[in-house]
Amino acid sequence: MAYLTRTGVKVASQRVAETGKSIKIPIQESSLNEIQRIGPWLSGYDQSAEVLLRLGLSKGGRQRQYTIPTVMKPKLHNNKWYRWLTG
């Protein structure tokens, strides 16, 4: 899986070796930190940003690539900062 900014700049990638009809992929906090650091931001106030997640999936020897657009927004809850990805 690759992490890209909304302009398509690849910031980081991680190898995913999951199989099955439904898989869970852990999100790398360091990759989100880098995207938040370099921008471009949707809002300079909270530094929310668009994040593109590019996945390469294969089935029966055929490979397909999917790009999932998401929005990362920082949220403060009980004096702790969290990042929410929606998309």
Protein backbone atom coordinates (compact mmCIF):
# COMPACT_ATOMS: atom_id res chain seq x y z
CA MET A 1 0.00 0.00 0.00
CA ALA A 2 1.28 3.46 -0.87
CA TYR A 3 0.48 6.73 0.92
CA LEU A 4 0.14 9.72 -1.39
CA THR A 5 -0.67 13.40 -0.96
CA ARG A 6 -3.65 14.79 -2.84
CA THR A 7 -1.25 15.94 -5.56
CA GLY A 8 -0.08 12.35 -6.05
CA VAL A 9 3.31 12.61 -4.32
CA LYS A 10 4.23 9.22 -2.83
CA VAL A 11 5.28 9.76 0.78
CA ALA A 12 5.62 6.19 2.03
CA SER A 13 4.67 2.60 1.34
CA GLN A 14 4.21 -0.58 3.27
CA ARG A 15 4.09 -4.21 2.27
CA VAL A 16 0.81 -5.99 2.89
CA ALA A 17 0.74 -9.77 2.67
CA GLU A 18 -2.87 -10.50 3.59
CA THR A 19 -5.17 -12.94 1.84
CA GLY A 20 -8.90 -13.47 1.89
CA LYS A 21 -12.13 -11.79 0.85
CA SER A 22 -11.84 -9.23 3.64
CA ILE A 23 -8.54 -7.94 4.98
CA LYS A 24 -7.49 -5.43 7.62
CA ILE A 25 -4.50 -3.23 6.89
CA PRO A 26 -2.90 -1.32 9.77
CA ILE A 27 -2.29 2.34 8.99
CA GLN A 28 1.23 3.61 9.65
CA GLU A 29 1.18 6.64 11.93
CA SER A 30 4.57 7.80 10.64
CA SER A 31 3.20 7.97 7.08
CA LEU A 32 0.27 10.14 8.20
CA ASN A 33 2.69 12.36 10.13
CA GLU A 34 4.70 12.93 6.96
CA ILE A 35 1.64 13.80 4.89
CA GLN A 36 0.45 16.20 7.58
CA ARG A 37 3.92 17.76 7.72
CA ILE A 38 4.31 18.43 3.99
CA GLY A 39 0.69 19.17 3.02
CA PRO A 40 -0.98 20.56 0.99
CA TRP A 41 -3.66 21.09 3.63
CA LEU A 42 -7.37 21.49 3.23
CA SER A 43 -7.29 23.78 6.27
CA GLY A 44 -4.27 25.58 7.68
CA TYR A 45 -6.09 25.86 10.99
CA ASP A 46 -6.16 22.14 11.82
CA GLN A 47 -3.83 20.89 9.05
CA SER A 48 -6.43 18.47 7.74
CA ALA A 49 -5.31 16.92 4.46
CA GLU A 50 -6.41 14.62 1.70
CA VAL A 51 -4.64 11.25 1.75
CA LEU A 52 -4.69 8.84 -1.16
CA LEU A 53 -4.20 5.17 -0.32
CA ARG A 54 -3.08 3.12 -3.33
CA LEU A 55 -3.59 -0.64 -3.05
CA GLY A 56 -2.44 -3.35 -5.40
CA LEU A 57 -4.63 -6.46 -5.27
CA SER A 58 -4.23 -9.71 -7.14
CA LYS A 59 -6.63 -12.55 -7.85
CA GLY A 60 -6.02 -15.51 -10.09
CA GLY A 61 -2.78 -14.04 -11.40
CA ARG A 62 -4.43 -10.74 -12.40
CA GLN A 63 -3.34 -7.58 -10.63
CA ARG A 64 -5.42 -4.44 -10.20
CA GLN A 65 -4.59 -1.15 -8.57
CA TYR A 66 -7.09 0.88 -6.58
CA THR A 67 -6.70 4.41 -5.23
CA ILE A 68 -8.89 5.27 -2.26
CA PRO A 69 -9.33 8.99 -1.54
CA THR A 70 -9.59 9.83 2.17
CA VAL A 71 -9.55 12.93 4.36
CA MET A 72 -7.39 13.04 7.47
CA LYS A 73 -8.66 15.32 10.23
CA PRO A 74 -7.06 15.76 13.64
CA LYS A 75 -9.48 15.50 16.57
CA LEU A 76 -8.93 16.37 20.22
CA HIS A 77 -10.71 14.03 22.63
CA ASN A 78 -10.09 13.93 26.39
CA ASN A 79 -6.87 15.96 26.01
CA LYS A 80 -5.43 13.51 23.46
CA TRP A 81 -5.01 14.08 19.72
CA TYR A 82 -6.31 11.50 17.25
CA ARG A 83 -6.39 11.36 13.45
CA TRP A 84 -9.56 10.32 11.69
CA LEU A 85 -9.43 9.00 8.15
CA THR A 86 -12.72 9.05 6.29
CA GLY A 87 -13.31 8.13 2.71
